[in-house]
């Protein structure tokens, strides 16, 4: 069961790493609203993937 939680944590960390990479090393100017929504959507996808992974591996 602990491995499931670690995998869920890794999923969230990877998606947040992608968001941070885009914020810091992107050469295109992005508005604060777009950054906020990119962050929200990336974390929503990460949470969904983590929950699905936890449910799927418990079956």
PDB file of N, CA and C in Angstrom:
ATOM      1  N   UNK A   1       0.823  -1.197   0.000  1.00  0.00           N
ATOM      2  CA  UNK A   1       0.000   0.000   0.000  1.00  0.00           C
ATOM      3  C   UNK A   1       0.865   1.258   0.000  1.00  0.00           C
ATOM      4  N   UNK A   2       1.998   1.206   0.683  1.00  0.00           N
ATOM      5  CA  UNK A   2       2.868   2.384   0.723  1.00  0.00           C
ATOM      6  C   UNK A   2       3.427   2.707  -0.654  1.00  0.00           C
ATOM      7  N   UNK A   3       3.651   1.683  -1.456  1.00  0.00           N
ATOM      8  CA  UNK A   3       4.146   1.915  -2.816  1.00  0.00           C
ATOM      9  C   UNK A   3       3.120   2.683  -3.637  1.00  0.00           C
ATOM     10  N   UNK A   4       1.839   2.421  -3.406  1.00  0.00           N
ATOM     11  CA  UNK A   4       0.787   3.152  -4.111  1.00  0.00           C
ATOM     12  C   UNK A   4       0.846   4.637  -3.779  1.00  0.00           C
ATOM     13  N   UNK A   5       1.047   4.950  -2.510  1.00  0.00           N
ATOM     14  CA  UNK A   5       1.114   6.356  -2.100  1.00  0.00           C
ATOM     15  C   UNK A   5       2.357   7.028  -2.677  1.00  0.00           C
ATOM     16  N   UNK A   6       3.461   6.299  -2.723  1.00  0.00           N
ATOM     17  CA  UNK A   6       4.680   6.872  -3.314  1.00  0.00           C
ATOM     18  C   UNK A   6       4.485   7.142  -4.800  1.00  0.00           C
ATOM     19  N   UNK A   7       3.830   6.236  -5.489  1.00  0.00           N
ATOM     20  CA  UNK A   7       3.576   6.437  -6.914  1.00  0.00           C
ATOM     21  C   UNK A   7       2.652   7.635  -7.142  1.00  0.00           C
ATOM     22  N   UNK A   8       1.641   7.789  -6.302  1.00  0.00           N
ATOM     23  CA  UNK A   8       0.749   8.947  -6.402  1.00  0.00           C
ATOM     24  C   UNK A   8       1.517  10.241  -6.153  1.00  0.00           C
ATOM     25  N   UNK A   9       2.407  10.229  -5.183  1.00  0.00           N
ATOM     26  CA  UNK A   9       3.227  11.407  -4.888  1.00  0.00           C
ATOM     27  C   UNK A   9       4.154  11.733  -6.054  1.00  0.00           C
ATOM     28  N   UNK A  10       4.718  10.717  -6.675  1.00  0.00           N
ATOM     29  CA  UNK A  10       5.601  10.923  -7.829  1.00  0.00           C
ATOM     30  C   UNK A  10       4.824  11.531  -8.996  1.00  0.00           C
ATOM     31  N   UNK A  11       3.590  11.069  -9.218  1.00  0.00           N
ATOM     32  CA  UNK A  11       2.764  11.626 -10.300  1.00  0.00           C
ATOM     33  C   UNK A  11       2.556  13.115 -10.086  1.00  0.00           C
ATOM     34  N   UNK A  12       2.179  13.510  -8.876  1.00  0.00           N
ATOM     35  CA  UNK A  12       1.947  14.927  -8.567  1.00  0.00           C
ATOM     36  C   UNK A  12       3.255  15.717  -8.711  1.00  0.00           C
ATOM     37  N   UNK A  13       4.352  15.177  -8.214  1.00  0.00           N
ATOM     38  CA  UNK A  13       5.634  15.884  -8.272  1.00  0.00           C
ATOM     39  C   UNK A  13       6.098  16.092  -9.714  1.00  0.00           C
ATOM     40  N   UNK A  14       5.910  15.087 -10.548  1.00  0.00           N
ATOM     41  CA  UNK A  14       6.320  15.213 -11.950  1.00  0.00           C
ATOM     42  C   UNK A  14       5.504  16.289 -12.658  1.00  0.00           C
ATOM     43  N   UNK A  15       4.197  16.292 -12.452  1.00  0.00           N
ATOM     44  CA  UNK A  15       3.374  17.311 -13.110  1.00  0.00           C
ATOM     45  C   UNK A  15       3.687  18.715 -12.594  1.00  0.00           C
ATOM     46  N   UNK A  16       3.947  18.850 -11.300  1.00  0.00           N
ATOM     47  CA  UNK A  16       4.339  20.155 -10.781  1.00  0.00           C
ATOM     48  C   UNK A  16       5.719  20.562 -11.279  1.00  0.00           C
ATOM     49  N   UNK A  17       6.604  19.605 -11.478  1.00  0.00           N
ATOM     50  CA  UNK A  17       7.899  19.899 -12.057  1.00  0.00           C
ATOM     51  C   UNK A  17       7.777  20.418 -13.483  1.00  0.00           C
ATOM     52  N   UNK A  18       6.853  19.842 -14.245  1.00  0.00           N
ATOM     53  CA  UNK A  18       6.613  20.328 -15.608  1.00  0.00           C
ATOM     54  C   UNK A  18       6.087  21.754 -15.569  1.00  0.00           C
ATOM     55  N   UNK A  19       5.175  22.036 -14.660  1.00  0.00           N
ATOM     56  CA  UNK A  19       4.635  23.400 -14.526  1.00  0.00           C
ATOM     57  C   UNK A  19       5.755  24.373 -14.181  1.00  0.00           C
ATOM     58  N   UNK A  20       6.578  24.044 -13.207  1.00  0.00           N
ATOM     59  CA  UNK A  20       7.671  24.931 -12.819  1.00  0.00           C
ATOM     60  C   UNK A  20       8.674  25.109 -13.951  1.00  0.00           C
ATOM     61  N   UNK A  21       8.969  24.048 -14.676  1.00  0.00           N
ATOM     62  CA  UNK A  21       9.886  24.141 -15.810  1.00  0.00           C
ATOM     63  C   UNK A  21       9.347  25.131 -16.838  1.00  0.00           C
ATOM     64  N   UNK A  22       8.082  25.046 -17.144  1.00  0.00           N
ATOM     65  CA  UNK A  22       7.474  25.964 -18.106  1.00  0.00           C
ATOM     66  C   UNK A  22       7.509  27.404 -17.602  1.00  0.00           C
ATOM     67  N   UNK A  23       7.275  27.598 -16.317  1.00  0.00           N
ATOM     68  CA  UNK A  23       7.257  28.949 -15.750  1.00  0.00           C
ATOM     69  C   UNK A  23       8.640  29.588 -15.800  1.00  0.00           C
ATOM     70  N   UNK A  24       9.667  28.839 -15.428  1.00  0.00           N
ATOM     71  CA  UNK A  24      11.006  29.421 -15.285  1.00  0.00           C
ATOM     72  C   UNK A  24      11.803  29.471 -16.582  1.00  0.00           C
ATOM     73  N   UNK A  25      11.606  28.494 -17.463  1.00  0.00           N
ATOM     74  CA  UNK A  25      12.444  28.427 -18.648  1.00  0.00           C
ATOM     75  C   UNK A  25      11.695  28.654 -19.956  1.00  0.00           C
ATOM     76  N   UNK A  26      10.468  29.089 -19.873  1.00  0.00           N
ATOM     77  CA  UNK A  26       9.715  29.382 -21.092  1.00  0.00           C
ATOM     78  C   UNK A  26      10.134  30.739 -21.640  1.00  0.00           C
ATOM     79  N   UNK A  27      10.342  30.801 -22.942  1.00  0.00           N
ATOM     80  CA  UNK A  27      10.773  32.057 -23.556  1.00  0.00           C
ATOM     81  C   UNK A  27       9.587  32.933 -23.961  1.00  0.00           C
ATOM     82  N   UNK A  28       8.379  32.374 -23.908  1.00  0.00           N
ATOM     83  CA  UNK A  28       7.194  33.136 -24.280  1.00  0.00           C
ATOM     84  C   UNK A  28       6.590  33.802 -23.054  1.00  0.00           C
ATOM     85  N   UNK A  29       6.177  35.060 -23.185  1.00  0.00           N
ATOM     86  CA  UNK A  29       5.507  35.710 -22.063  1.00  0.00           C
ATOM     87  C   UNK A  29       4.104  35.125 -21.861  1.00  0.00           C
ATOM     88  N   UNK A  30       3.770  34.851 -20.611  1.00  0.00           N
ATOM     89  CA  UNK A  30       2.476  34.253 -20.286  1.00  0.00           C
ATOM     90  C   UNK A  30       1.826  35.107 -19.212  1.00  0.00           C
ATOM     91  N   UNK A  31       0.535  35.348 -19.364  1.00  0.00           N
ATOM     92  CA  UNK A  31      -0.180  36.160 -18.376  1.00  0.00           C
ATOM     93  C   UNK A  31      -0.327  35.397 -17.062  1.00  0.00           C
ATOM     94  N   UNK A  32      -0.588  36.136 -16.000  1.00  0.00           N
ATOM     95  CA  UNK A  32      -0.767  35.508 -14.684  1.00  0.00           C
ATOM     96  C   UNK A  32      -1.999  34.616 -14.670  1.00  0.00           C
ATOM     97  N   UNK A  33      -3.027  35.018 -15.401  1.00  0.00           N
ATOM     98  CA  UNK A  33      -4.239  34.196 -15.464  1.00  0.00           C
ATOM     99  C   UNK A  33      -3.956  32.864 -16.142  1.00  0.00           C
ATOM    100  N   UNK A  34      -3.214  32.896 -17.236  1.00  0.00           N
ATOM    101  CA  UNK A  34      -2.874  31.655 -17.925  1.00  0.00           C
ATOM    102  C   UNK A  34      -1.995  30.767 -17.046  1.00  0.00           C
ATOM    103  N   UNK A  35      -1.055  31.363 -16.333  1.00  0.00           N
ATOM    104  CA  UNK A  35      -0.207  30.575 -15.422  1.00  0.00           C
ATOM    105  C   UNK A  35      -1.040  29.925 -14.330  1.00  0.00           C
ATOM    106  N   UNK A  36      -1.984  30.688 -13.782  1.00  0.00           N
ATOM    107  CA  UNK A  36      -2.834  30.167 -12.714  1.00  0.00           C
ATOM    108  C   UNK A  36      -3.642  28.974 -13.221  1.00  0.00           C
ATOM    109  N   UNK A  37      -4.237  29.106 -14.405  1.00  0.00           N
ATOM    110  CA  UNK A  37      -5.050  28.017 -14.936  1.00  0.00           C
ATOM    111  C   UNK A  37      -4.207  26.821 -15.347  1.00  0.00           C
ATOM    112  N   UNK A  38      -3.000  27.064 -15.847  1.00  0.00           N
ATOM    113  CA  UNK A  38      -2.097  25.964 -16.174  1.00  0.00           C
ATOM    114  C   UNK A  38      -1.762  25.176 -14.912  1.00  0.00           C
ATOM    115  N   UNK A  39      -1.504  25.885 -13.823  1.00  0.00           N
ATOM    116  CA  UNK A  39      -1.213  25.256 -12.545  1.00  0.00           C
ATOM    117  C   UNK A  39      -2.423  24.463 -12.042  1.00  0.00           C
ATOM    118  N   UNK A  40      -3.604  25.064 -12.116  1.00  0.00           N
ATOM    119  CA  UNK A  40      -4.819  24.404 -11.633  1.00  0.00           C
ATOM    120  C   UNK A  40      -5.116  23.146 -12.447  1.00  0.00           C
ATOM    121  N   UNK A  41      -5.034  23.261 -13.763  1.00  0.00           N
ATOM    122  CA  UNK A  41      -5.335  22.112 -14.619  1.00  0.00           C
ATOM    123  C   UNK A  41      -4.304  21.001 -14.427  1.00  0.00           C
ATOM    124  N   UNK A  42      -3.041  21.351 -14.348  1.00  0.00           N
ATOM    125  CA  UNK A  42      -1.993  20.334 -14.146  1.00  0.00           C
ATOM    126  C   UNK A  42      -2.191  19.610 -12.821  1.00  0.00           C
ATOM    127  N   UNK A  43      -2.532  20.339 -11.772  1.00  0.00           N
ATOM    128  CA  UNK A  43      -2.753  19.693 -10.481  1.00  0.00           C
ATOM    129  C   UNK A  43      -4.043  18.883 -10.458  1.00  0.00           C
ATOM    130  N   UNK A  44      -5.082  19.343 -11.152  1.00  0.00           N
ATOM    131  CA  UNK A  44      -6.323  18.567 -11.237  1.00  0.00           C
ATOM    132  C   UNK A  44      -6.078  17.247 -11.966  1.00  0.00           C
ATOM    133  N   UNK A  45      -5.325  17.305 -13.054  1.00  0.00           N
ATOM    134  CA  UNK A  45      -4.981  16.082 -13.781  1.00  0.00           C
ATOM    135  C   UNK A  45      -4.141  15.166 -12.891  1.00  0.00           C
ATOM    136  N   UNK A  46      -3.193  15.745 -12.170  1.00  0.00           N
ATOM    137  CA  UNK A  46      -2.352  14.943 -11.276  1.00  0.00           C
ATOM    138  C   UNK A  46      -3.145  14.273 -10.175  1.00  0.00           C
ATOM    139  N   UNK A  47      -4.078  14.992  -9.586  1.00  0.00           N
ATOM    140  CA  UNK A  47      -4.907  14.407  -8.529  1.00  0.00           C
ATOM    141  C   UNK A  47      -5.780  13.294  -9.097  1.00  0.00           C
ATOM    142  N   UNK A  48      -6.372  13.528 -10.263  1.00  0.00           N
ATOM    143  CA  UNK A  48      -7.189  12.486 -10.901  1.00  0.00           C
ATOM    144  C   UNK A  48      -6.359  11.241 -11.200  1.00  0.00           C
ATOM    145  N   UNK A  49      -5.171  11.437 -11.768  1.00  0.00           N
ATOM    146  CA  UNK A  49      -4.302  10.289 -12.053  1.00  0.00           C
ATOM    147  C   UNK A  49      -3.890   9.555 -10.776  1.00  0.00           C
ATOM    148  N   UNK A  50      -3.593  10.307  -9.733  1.00  0.00           N
ATOM    149  CA  UNK A  50      -3.187   9.688  -8.469  1.00  0.00           C
ATOM    150  C   UNK A  50      -4.329   8.887  -7.858  1.00  0.00           C
ATOM    151  N   UNK A  51      -5.542   9.427  -7.882  1.00  0.00           N
ATOM    152  CA  UNK A  51      -6.698   8.711  -7.322  1.00  0.00           C
ATOM    153  C   UNK A  51      -6.996   7.462  -8.135  1.00  0.00           C
ATOM    154  N   UNK A  52      -6.962   7.594  -9.463  1.00  0.00           N
ATOM    155  CA  UNK A  52      -7.200   6.428 -10.321  1.00  0.00           C
ATOM    156  C   UNK A  52      -6.140   5.361 -10.076  1.00  0.00           C
ATOM    157  N   UNK A  53      -4.907   5.785  -9.921  1.00  0.00           N
ATOM    158  CA  UNK A  53      -3.818   4.830  -9.651  1.00  0.00           C
ATOM    159  C   UNK A  53      -4.038   4.125  -8.323  1.00  0.00           C
ATOM    160  N   UNK A  54      -4.451   4.859  -7.311  1.00  0.00           N
ATOM    161  CA  UNK A  54      -4.687   4.236  -6.003  1.00  0.00           C
ATOM    162  C   UNK A  54      -5.837   3.234  -6.068  1.00  0.00           C
ATOM    163  N   UNK A  55      -6.904   3.592  -6.771  1.00  0.00           N
ATOM    164  CA  UNK A  55      -8.053   2.679  -6.896  1.00  0.00           C
ATOM    165  C   UNK A  55      -7.671   1.467  -7.739  1.00  0.00           C
ATOM    166  N   UNK A  56      -6.999   1.715  -8.869  1.00  0.00           N
ATOM    167  CA  UNK A  56      -6.681   0.636  -9.789  1.00  0.00           C
ATOM    168  C   UNK A  56      -5.728  -0.384  -9.165  1.00  0.00           C
ATOM    169  N   UNK A  57      -4.720   0.078  -8.451  1.00  0.00           N
ATOM    170  CA  UNK A  57      -3.762  -0.854  -7.864  1.00  0.00           C
ATOM    171  C   UNK A  57      -4.327  -1.595  -6.655  1.00  0.00           C
ATOM    172  N   UNK A  58      -5.412  -1.095  -6.065  1.00  0.00           N
ATOM    173  CA  UNK A  58      -6.022  -1.794  -4.941  1.00  0.00           C
ATOM    174  C   UNK A  58      -6.974  -2.897  -5.391  1.00  0.00           C
ATOM    175  N   UNK A  59      -7.364  -2.903  -6.664  1.00  0.00           N
ATOM    176  CA  UNK A  59      -8.295  -3.935  -7.145  1.00  0.00           C
ATOM    177  C   UNK A  59      -7.625  -5.257  -7.348  1.00  0.00           C
TER     178      UNK A  59
END
